[in-house]
Protein backbone atom coordinates (compact mmCIF):
# COMPACT_ATOMS: atom_id res chain seq x y z
CA MET A 1 -14.52 -62.88 74.83
CA ALA A 2 -17.98 -62.53 76.34
CA SER A 3 -17.15 -58.95 77.33
CA GLU A 4 -16.09 -58.11 73.76
CA LEU A 5 -19.27 -59.67 72.35
CA ASN A 6 -21.42 -57.69 74.79
CA GLN A 7 -19.57 -54.47 73.89
CA SER A 8 -20.12 -55.17 70.19
CA ARG A 9 -23.84 -55.71 70.75
CA ARG A 10 -24.10 -52.47 72.69
CA ALA A 11 -22.23 -50.63 69.95
CA TRP A 12 -24.57 -51.86 67.22
CA SER A 13 -27.64 -51.19 69.35
CA VAL A 14 -26.44 -47.63 69.90
CA LEU A 15 -25.76 -47.19 66.19
CA ILE A 16 -29.16 -48.52 65.09
CA VAL A 17 -31.35 -46.51 67.48
CA SER A 18 -29.22 -43.39 67.03
CA THR A 19 -29.63 -43.63 63.26
CA LEU A 20 -33.40 -44.06 63.71
CA ALA A 21 -33.50 -41.00 65.98
CA PHE A 22 -31.46 -38.94 63.53
CA THR A 23 -33.71 -39.99 60.63
CA VAL A 24 -36.76 -38.69 62.50
CA CYS A 25 -34.95 -35.49 63.49
CA PHE A 26 -33.91 -34.87 59.88
CA MET A 27 -37.45 -35.57 58.67
CA VAL A 28 -38.76 -32.90 61.04
CA TRP A 29 -35.96 -30.51 60.09
CA MET A 30 -36.95 -30.75 56.40
CA MET A 31 -40.69 -30.41 57.08
CA PHE A 32 -41.06 -27.02 55.35
CA GLY A 33 -39.76 -28.54 52.11
CA VAL A 34 -43.28 -29.95 51.58
CA ILE A 35 -45.72 -28.08 53.82
CA GLY A 36 -44.07 -24.81 52.79
CA ILE A 37 -45.81 -25.08 49.39
CA PRO A 38 -49.41 -24.79 50.69
CA ILE A 39 -48.23 -22.29 53.32
CA ARG A 40 -46.66 -20.14 50.57
CA LYS A 41 -49.96 -20.13 48.70
CA MET A 42 -51.91 -19.35 51.86
CA LEU A 43 -49.65 -16.40 52.77
CA SER A 44 -48.92 -15.24 49.17
CA LEU A 45 -45.14 -15.30 49.66
CA ASN A 46 -42.59 -14.38 46.99
CA ALA A 47 -39.59 -16.63 46.28
CA THR A 48 -37.27 -14.85 48.72
CA GLU A 49 -39.80 -15.01 51.57
CA PHE A 50 -40.41 -18.65 50.75
CA GLY A 51 -36.67 -19.34 50.87
CA LEU A 52 -36.43 -17.70 54.29
CA LEU A 53 -39.40 -19.74 55.55
CA MET A 54 -37.77 -23.02 54.55
CA ALA A 55 -34.33 -22.00 55.81
CA THR A 56 -35.34 -20.76 59.28
CA PRO A 57 -35.24 -24.20 61.00
CA VAL A 58 -31.87 -24.83 59.35
CA LEU A 59 -30.42 -21.73 61.03
CA THR A 60 -31.13 -22.92 64.57
CA GLY A 61 -30.08 -26.47 63.81
CA SER A 62 -26.77 -25.10 62.57
CA LEU A 63 -26.02 -22.64 65.36
CA VAL A 64 -26.54 -25.21 68.13
CA ARG A 65 -24.18 -27.75 66.59
CA VAL A 66 -20.98 -26.49 68.19
CA PRO A 67 -22.28 -26.33 71.79
CA LEU A 68 -24.05 -29.67 71.32
CA GLY A 69 -20.79 -31.22 70.13
CA ILE A 70 -18.99 -29.84 73.19
CA TRP A 71 -21.70 -31.13 75.54
CA THR A 72 -21.57 -34.54 73.87
CA ASP A 73 -17.84 -34.75 74.61
CA LYS A 74 -18.46 -33.69 78.20
CA TYR A 75 -21.76 -35.32 79.22
CA GLY A 76 -22.25 -38.14 76.72
CA GLY A 77 -24.38 -38.47 73.61
CA ARG A 78 -27.25 -40.41 75.17
CA ILE A 79 -28.45 -37.72 77.57
CA VAL A 80 -27.79 -34.84 75.16
CA MET A 81 -29.68 -36.52 72.29
CA ALA A 82 -32.64 -37.42 74.49
CA LEU A 83 -32.99 -33.89 75.88
CA LEU A 84 -32.67 -32.41 72.40
CA MET A 85 -35.42 -34.60 70.97
CA ALA A 86 -37.70 -33.88 73.93
CA ALA A 87 -37.20 -30.12 73.50
CA THR A 88 -38.47 -30.16 69.92
CA ILE A 89 -41.79 -31.97 70.50
CA PRO A 90 -43.86 -29.00 71.82
CA ALA A 91 -42.64 -26.73 68.99
CA ILE A 92 -43.47 -29.31 66.32
CA TRP A 93 -47.01 -29.65 67.68
CA LEU A 94 -47.53 -25.88 67.91
CA MET A 95 -46.63 -25.49 64.22
CA SER A 96 -50.11 -26.77 63.28
CA TYR A 97 -51.68 -23.73 64.97
CA ALA A 98 -49.58 -21.06 63.21
CA THR A 99 -51.48 -18.63 60.96
CA GLU A 100 -49.13 -15.69 60.30
CA TYR A 101 -45.74 -15.55 58.57
CA TRP A 102 -43.95 -14.52 61.78
CA HIS A 103 -45.60 -17.44 63.60
CA PHE A 104 -43.98 -19.90 61.20
CA LEU A 105 -40.60 -18.18 61.41
CA THR A 106 -40.61 -18.10 65.22
CA ILE A 107 -41.80 -21.66 65.77
CA GLY A 108 -39.49 -22.81 62.97
CA LEU A 109 -36.51 -21.60 65.00
CA PHE A 110 -37.45 -24.00 67.81
CA VAL A 111 -38.30 -26.89 65.48
CA GLY A 112 -34.86 -26.37 63.95
CA LEU A 113 -33.20 -27.66 67.14
CA ALA A 114 -33.76 -31.12 65.67
CA GLY A 115 -31.05 -30.40 63.12
CA GLY A 116 -28.44 -30.20 65.86
CA SER A 117 -28.78 -33.94 66.42
CA PHE A 118 -26.07 -34.61 63.85
CA SER A 119 -23.24 -33.19 65.94
CA VAL A 120 -24.49 -35.21 68.93
CA GLY A 121 -24.79 -38.58 67.26
CA THR A 122 -21.64 -38.43 65.14
CA PRO A 123 -19.10 -38.47 68.02
CA TYR A 124 -21.49 -40.58 70.14
CA VAL A 125 -21.61 -43.52 67.69
CA ALA A 126 -18.00 -43.14 66.48
CA ARG A 127 -16.56 -43.72 69.95
CA TRP A 128 -18.28 -47.11 70.20
CA PHE A 129 -16.18 -48.44 67.29
CA PRO A 130 -12.42 -48.85 66.64
CA LYS A 131 -10.69 -46.22 64.53
CA GLU A 132 -10.61 -48.35 61.39
CA ARG A 133 -14.42 -48.69 61.48
CA GLN A 134 -15.36 -45.18 62.54
CA GLY A 135 -15.91 -44.06 58.94
CA MET A 136 -18.46 -46.86 58.57
CA ALA A 137 -20.17 -46.00 61.86
CA MET A 138 -20.43 -42.29 61.06
CA GLY A 139 -21.60 -43.14 57.55
CA VAL A 140 -24.38 -45.39 58.82
CA TYR A 141 -25.47 -42.76 61.31
CA GLY A 142 -25.30 -40.06 58.66
CA ALA A 143 -27.64 -42.15 56.50
CA GLY A 144 -30.30 -40.65 58.74
CA ASN A 145 -30.17 -37.80 56.21
CA SER A 146 -32.65 -40.01 54.36
CA GLY A 147 -35.23 -38.48 56.70
CA ALA A 148 -35.44 -35.81 53.99
CA ALA A 149 -36.74 -38.49 51.61
CA VAL A 150 -39.08 -39.94 54.24
CA ASN A 151 -40.55 -36.44 54.60
CA LYS A 152 -41.20 -36.37 50.85
CA PHE A 153 -43.00 -39.71 50.96
CA LEU A 154 -45.11 -39.04 54.05
CA ALA A 155 -45.89 -35.32 54.14
CA PRO A 156 -47.54 -35.01 50.66
CA VAL A 157 -49.93 -37.84 51.51
CA LEU A 158 -50.93 -36.13 54.76
CA VAL A 159 -51.24 -32.73 53.04
CA VAL A 160 -53.56 -34.05 50.31
CA ALA A 161 -55.64 -36.19 52.71
CA PHE A 162 -55.93 -33.93 55.75
CA GLY A 163 -54.31 -30.55 55.01
CA TRP A 164 -50.85 -29.25 55.91
CA ALA A 165 -51.68 -28.77 59.63
CA MET A 166 -51.85 -32.54 60.14
CA VAL A 167 -48.17 -32.97 59.24
CA PRO A 168 -46.64 -31.33 62.35
CA GLN A 169 -49.11 -33.17 64.59
CA VAL A 170 -48.13 -36.55 63.15
CA TYR A 171 -44.44 -35.61 63.24
CA ALA A 172 -44.68 -34.66 66.93
CA ALA A 173 -46.09 -38.12 67.71
CA ILE A 174 -43.36 -39.81 65.66
CA MET A 175 -40.66 -37.80 67.46
CA LEU A 176 -42.08 -38.88 70.84
CA GLY A 177 -42.03 -42.54 69.77
CA ALA A 178 -38.46 -42.24 68.50
CA LEU A 179 -37.39 -40.64 71.79
CA VAL A 180 -38.78 -43.58 73.79
CA LEU A 181 -37.05 -46.15 71.57
CA PHE A 182 -33.77 -44.26 71.70
CA TRP A 183 -33.77 -44.10 75.49
CA LEU A 184 -34.65 -47.78 75.87
CA PHE A 185 -32.02 -49.19 73.51
CA SER A 186 -29.09 -46.76 73.76
CA SER A 187 -26.26 -46.91 76.30
CA SER A 188 -23.68 -44.74 78.01
CA ASP A 189 -19.98 -45.45 78.53
CA PRO A 190 -18.08 -43.17 80.95
CA ALA A 191 -14.86 -44.01 79.08
CA HIS A 192 -16.17 -42.03 76.10
CA LEU A 193 -16.44 -38.77 78.01
CA VAL A 194 -13.83 -36.09 77.42
CA PRO A 195 -13.34 -33.94 80.56
CA SER A 196 -13.10 -30.35 79.44
CA ASN A 197 -13.66 -26.81 80.64
CA VAL A 198 -13.40 -25.50 77.10
CA THR A 199 -15.96 -22.84 76.20
CA PHE A 200 -17.87 -22.23 72.99
CA MET A 201 -15.52 -19.37 72.05
CA ASP A 202 -12.46 -21.51 72.78
CA GLN A 203 -13.73 -24.14 70.36
CA LEU A 204 -14.35 -21.55 67.66
CA LYS A 205 -10.61 -20.82 67.81
CA ALA A 206 -10.21 -24.09 65.92
CA LEU A 207 -11.23 -22.05 62.88
CA LYS A 208 -7.67 -20.70 62.93
CA ASP A 209 -6.63 -24.15 61.70
CA PRO A 210 -6.61 -23.98 57.87
CA LYS A 211 -7.62 -27.63 57.64
CA VAL A 212 -10.77 -27.02 59.68
CA VAL A 213 -11.72 -24.08 57.44
CA LYS A 214 -11.15 -26.25 54.36
CA TYR A 215 -13.34 -29.04 55.72
CA CYS A 216 -16.01 -26.44 56.47
CA GLN A 217 -15.87 -25.38 52.81
CA TYR A 218 -16.21 -28.96 51.57
CA TYR A 219 -19.12 -29.64 53.91
CA SER A 220 -20.92 -26.45 52.99
CA ILE A 221 -21.44 -27.91 49.52
CA VAL A 222 -21.96 -31.65 50.13
CA PHE A 223 -24.21 -31.14 53.17
CA GLY A 224 -25.34 -27.52 52.88
CA GLY A 225 -26.17 -28.07 49.22
CA TYR A 226 -27.96 -31.31 50.07
CA VAL A 227 -30.12 -29.61 52.70
CA ALA A 228 -30.86 -26.64 50.45
CA LEU A 229 -31.89 -28.75 47.46
CA SER A 230 -33.90 -31.14 49.65
CA LEU A 231 -35.94 -28.12 50.73
CA TRP A 232 -36.07 -26.52 47.28
CA MET A 233 -36.73 -29.43 44.91
CA VAL A 234 -40.43 -30.10 45.48
CA GLN A 235 -41.46 -26.57 44.57
CA TYR A 236 -38.87 -26.61 41.73
CA TYR A 237 -40.56 -29.63 40.14
CA VAL A 238 -43.98 -28.04 40.61
CA GLY A 239 -42.89 -24.74 39.04
CA GLU A 240 -40.52 -25.99 36.33
CA PHE A 241 -42.41 -29.05 35.11
CA GLY A 242 -45.98 -28.36 36.31
CA LEU A 243 -46.23 -31.54 38.40
CA ASP A 244 -48.67 -32.41 41.19
CA ILE A 245 -47.17 -32.06 44.67
CA ARG A 246 -47.23 -35.83 45.26
CA VAL A 247 -45.42 -36.61 41.99
CA ALA A 248 -43.01 -33.72 42.59
CA ALA A 249 -42.17 -35.01 46.07
CA LEU A 250 -41.64 -38.55 44.75
CA LEU A 251 -39.20 -37.36 42.09
CA ALA A 252 -37.45 -35.05 44.57
CA ALA A 253 -36.90 -38.12 46.76
CA CYS A 254 -34.74 -39.55 43.92
CA PHE A 255 -32.18 -36.98 45.10
CA SER A 256 -32.84 -37.04 48.84
CA LEU A 257 -32.98 -40.82 49.34
CA PRO A 258 -29.62 -41.84 47.83
CA GLY A 259 -28.15 -38.63 49.27
CA GLY A 260 -28.94 -40.02 52.72
CA VAL A 261 -28.91 -43.82 52.58
CA LEU A 262 -25.67 -44.19 50.60
CA ARG A 263 -23.73 -42.12 53.11
CA ALA A 264 -22.96 -45.39 54.90
CA PHE A 265 -21.35 -46.77 51.74
CA GLY A 266 -19.38 -43.53 51.44
CA GLY A 267 -18.04 -44.14 54.94
CA ILE A 268 -16.86 -47.62 53.96
CA LEU A 269 -15.16 -46.26 50.83
CA SER A 270 -13.48 -43.55 52.92
CA ASP A 271 -12.15 -46.16 55.35
CA LYS A 272 -10.76 -48.17 52.43
CA TYR A 273 -9.45 -45.55 50.02
CA GLY A 274 -9.03 -42.50 52.23
CA ALA A 275 -11.05 -39.34 52.68
CA HIS A 276 -8.93 -37.42 50.19
CA SER A 277 -9.51 -39.70 47.18
CA VAL A 278 -13.25 -40.00 47.75
CA THR A 279 -13.75 -36.26 48.23
CA TRP A 280 -11.76 -35.39 45.09
CA TRP A 281 -13.94 -37.60 42.89
CA VAL A 282 -17.11 -36.37 44.59
CA LEU A 283 -16.27 -32.78 43.72
CA TRP A 284 -15.63 -33.59 40.05
CA VAL A 285 -18.87 -35.54 39.66
CA SER A 286 -20.70 -32.62 41.32
CA TRP A 287 -19.05 -30.16 38.94
CA ILE A 288 -20.24 -32.10 35.87
CA CYS A 289 -23.81 -32.59 37.17
CA LEU A 290 -24.23 -28.96 38.23
CA PHE A 291 -22.87 -27.69 34.92
CA LEU A 292 -25.63 -29.58 33.08
CA LEU A 293 -28.33 -28.70 35.63
CA SER A 294 -27.44 -25.01 35.40
CA TYR A 295 -28.48 -24.67 31.76
CA PRO A 296 -31.90 -22.94 31.63
CA GLN A 297 -34.75 -23.91 29.33
CA THR A 298 -33.84 -22.13 26.06
CA ASP A 299 -35.61 -21.48 22.76
CA PHE A 300 -33.56 -20.03 19.91
CA THR A 301 -34.36 -19.22 16.30
CA ILE A 302 -31.96 -19.50 13.39
CA ALA A 303 -32.36 -18.52 9.75
CA THR A 304 -32.38 -21.48 7.36
CA ILE A 305 -32.93 -21.76 3.60
CA ASN A 306 -36.52 -22.64 4.42
CA GLY A 307 -37.05 -19.67 6.72
CA PRO A 308 -36.74 -19.18 10.48
CA THR A 309 -36.52 -22.41 12.51
CA THR A 310 -36.90 -22.52 16.30
CA PHE A 311 -35.08 -25.06 18.46
CA HIS A 312 -35.58 -25.90 22.11
CA LEU A 313 -32.67 -26.79 24.39
CA GLY A 314 -33.14 -27.86 27.99
CA LEU A 315 -33.44 -30.83 30.31
CA ASN A 316 -36.71 -32.74 30.40
CA VAL A 317 -37.99 -34.11 33.69
CA TYR A 318 -36.37 -37.53 33.14
CA ALA A 319 -32.87 -36.21 32.38
CA PHE A 320 -33.16 -33.70 35.21
CA THR A 321 -34.13 -36.40 37.71
CA ALA A 322 -31.33 -38.71 36.54
CA LEU A 323 -28.74 -35.95 37.09
CA MET A 324 -30.20 -35.19 40.52
CA PHE A 325 -29.98 -38.89 41.39
CA VAL A 326 -26.26 -38.98 40.49
CA LEU A 327 -25.66 -35.73 42.40
CA GLY A 328 -27.38 -37.20 45.47
CA ILE A 329 -25.11 -40.25 45.38
CA ALA A 330 -22.00 -38.09 45.03
CA TRP A 331 -22.95 -35.88 47.96
CA ALA A 332 -23.76 -38.92 50.10
CA PHE A 333 -20.19 -40.13 49.62
CA GLY A 334 -18.86 -36.60 50.18
CA LYS A 335 -20.66 -36.13 53.49
CA ALA A 336 -19.06 -39.32 54.79
CA SER A 337 -15.58 -38.57 53.44
CA VAL A 338 -15.44 -35.11 55.06
CA PHE A 339 -16.11 -36.61 58.48
CA LYS A 340 -13.52 -39.30 57.84
CA TYR A 341 -11.03 -36.43 57.47
CA ILE A 342 -12.10 -35.19 60.91
CA SER A 343 -11.91 -38.56 62.67
CA ASP A 344 -8.41 -39.06 61.20
CA ASP A 345 -7.09 -35.61 62.11
CA TYR A 346 -8.91 -34.81 65.38
CA PRO A 347 -9.64 -38.08 67.26
CA LYS A 348 -9.45 -36.41 70.70
CA ASN A 349 -11.59 -33.42 69.76
CA LEU A 350 -14.14 -35.14 67.54
CA GLY A 351 -17.27 -33.65 69.09
CA ALA A 352 -16.15 -30.04 68.93
CA ILE A 353 -14.58 -30.17 65.44
CA SER A 354 -17.54 -32.09 64.00
CA GLY A 355 -19.77 -29.44 65.57
CA ILE A 356 -17.84 -26.62 63.86
CA VAL A 357 -17.82 -28.34 60.46
CA GLY A 358 -21.48 -29.28 60.93
CA LEU A 359 -22.21 -25.63 61.74
CA ALA A 360 -20.61 -24.57 58.45
CA GLY A 361 -22.61 -27.14 56.51
CA GLY A 362 -25.82 -26.18 58.25
CA LEU A 363 -25.25 -22.48 57.61
CA GLY A 364 -24.80 -23.38 53.96
CA GLY A 365 -28.20 -25.07 54.13
CA PHE A 366 -29.63 -21.90 55.68
CA VAL A 367 -28.11 -19.33 53.33
CA LEU A 368 -28.53 -21.23 50.06
CA PRO A 369 -32.38 -21.46 49.97
CA ILE A 370 -32.61 -17.73 50.64
CA MET A 371 -30.11 -17.07 47.86
CA PHE A 372 -32.02 -19.44 45.57
CA GLY A 373 -35.17 -17.39 46.13
CA ALA A 374 -33.41 -14.06 45.75
CA LEU A 375 -31.74 -15.16 42.51
CA MET A 376 -35.04 -16.41 41.11
CA ASP A 377 -36.77 -13.13 42.01
CA LEU A 378 -33.87 -11.21 40.45
CA THR A 379 -33.32 -13.21 37.26
CA GLY A 380 -36.56 -15.12 36.77
CA ILE A 381 -34.45 -18.23 36.01
CA ARG A 382 -35.14 -21.27 38.19
CA SER A 383 -31.87 -23.00 37.28
CA SER A 384 -29.96 -20.06 38.80
CA ALA A 385 -29.93 -22.17 41.98
CA PHE A 386 -27.68 -24.69 40.24
CA MET A 387 -25.54 -21.91 38.78
CA LEU A 388 -24.80 -20.75 42.32
CA LEU A 389 -23.92 -24.28 43.50
CA TYR A 390 -21.70 -24.74 40.44
CA GLY A 391 -19.67 -21.72 41.55
CA VAL A 392 -19.33 -23.06 45.09
CA VAL A 393 -18.03 -26.39 43.78
CA TRP A 394 -15.43 -24.50 41.71
CA VAL A 395 -14.11 -22.93 44.92
CA SER A 396 -13.81 -26.34 46.61
CA LEU A 397 -12.07 -27.91 43.61
CA ILE A 398 -9.48 -25.14 43.35
CA TRP A 399 -8.86 -25.16 47.11
CA MET A 400 -8.44 -28.92 47.19
CA TYR A 401 -6.11 -28.91 44.20
CA TRP A 402 -3.69 -26.41 45.73
CA THR A 403 -3.71 -27.87 49.25
CA GLU A 404 -3.97 -31.62 48.61
CA VAL A 405 -3.98 -32.92 45.05
CA ARG A 406 -0.56 -31.53 44.18
CA ARG A 407 0.80 -33.54 47.13
CA ALA A 408 -1.07 -36.83 46.72
CA GLU A 409 -1.83 -39.45 44.10
CA VAL A 410 -5.55 -39.97 43.55
CA MET A 411 -5.27 -42.31 40.57
CA GLY A 412 -3.22 -45.42 39.98
CA PRO A 413 -1.90 -48.21 42.24
CA ASN A 414 -0.89 -45.88 45.07
CA ALA A 415 -4.20 -44.00 45.25
CA ALA A 416 -5.42 -46.07 48.17
CA ASP A 417 -2.53 -44.77 50.26
CA ALA A 418 -3.70 -41.16 49.84
CA LYS A 419 -5.34 -40.85 53.22
CA GLY A 420 -6.99 -37.56 54.09
């Protein structure tokens, strides 16, 4: 009994400090979402160049996810997470001394390593809990995505008070503090290690499994879209509604905060109702929200008996923010449900498969901001970003319908039995 109680305490200690570490890593990963705005002005960047600037850290954080997942299986999450956090600190600090566009892109690649922390912590915390509670554990850990919202609260204050260069200096100090806390309060369990001589290329062969490819598609929207919009929304509010950077960041956090914090609740729902049911509803809510968000600000004139009359059609800042809030909640649940699929289907290969799916989601977060910028340069329509995401959700809905929904009940008394 005492041994079980001690194991439970260790498990919760690991979960708490790992979630704290991931929150800080995600905050750093999303740093360009705020400081990119003054940097864009300083360097006179167009929308495509700005999209690339914000997406560069996301690229590295995505590419390292598969090897980090493999190393976590082999060496344990504690040592891998600690080394990863330590490796990012010098790059974060050096960011404050960058002056040229290529400086930011190069240093951003190294800062982006912080984004790989997800594929370390997910299998690390999951293995401390029984199977029926792994969805909850991964959901709580994934709530560290709320670091994107923390960035929106903290960075604008530092930018206005001290200039953008202060942000990376403060973030480097915070990362160092988080590293110390993580090392002091985390634990290792040799029983969680998975002996393996499998290489990076061997693990990529898992992409031959249609289910893995499908989960990659789902995650590219619920996580990749979340990352992309977390980076894009502050400047969207500034450009679309003419808001101050602090107000813009606060409203953007209405999407980022629930999109991170409520992931834990999504994990609990996935444990109870199954990954399949939760994901299906997430995709439909996303489809509705993105359809409304896609409509551009429109003025049209019609001929009436009293002469021409002009009408305006478009979302105001309040309706826009409300839709973004709902979308953030939906994607929080979706991020948790996708990883519940993985823990159900690949319990012995959790680190590697979560790394592959995380890679797909991260690459979505890298490609989408660049495409947002390119579409805006091409069309001049800011809401084209939501049009693109709307199309991606269509792909996921159709794929899920043909591979799952036709075989499972997602409504009615038997819906709870529809496990992913």
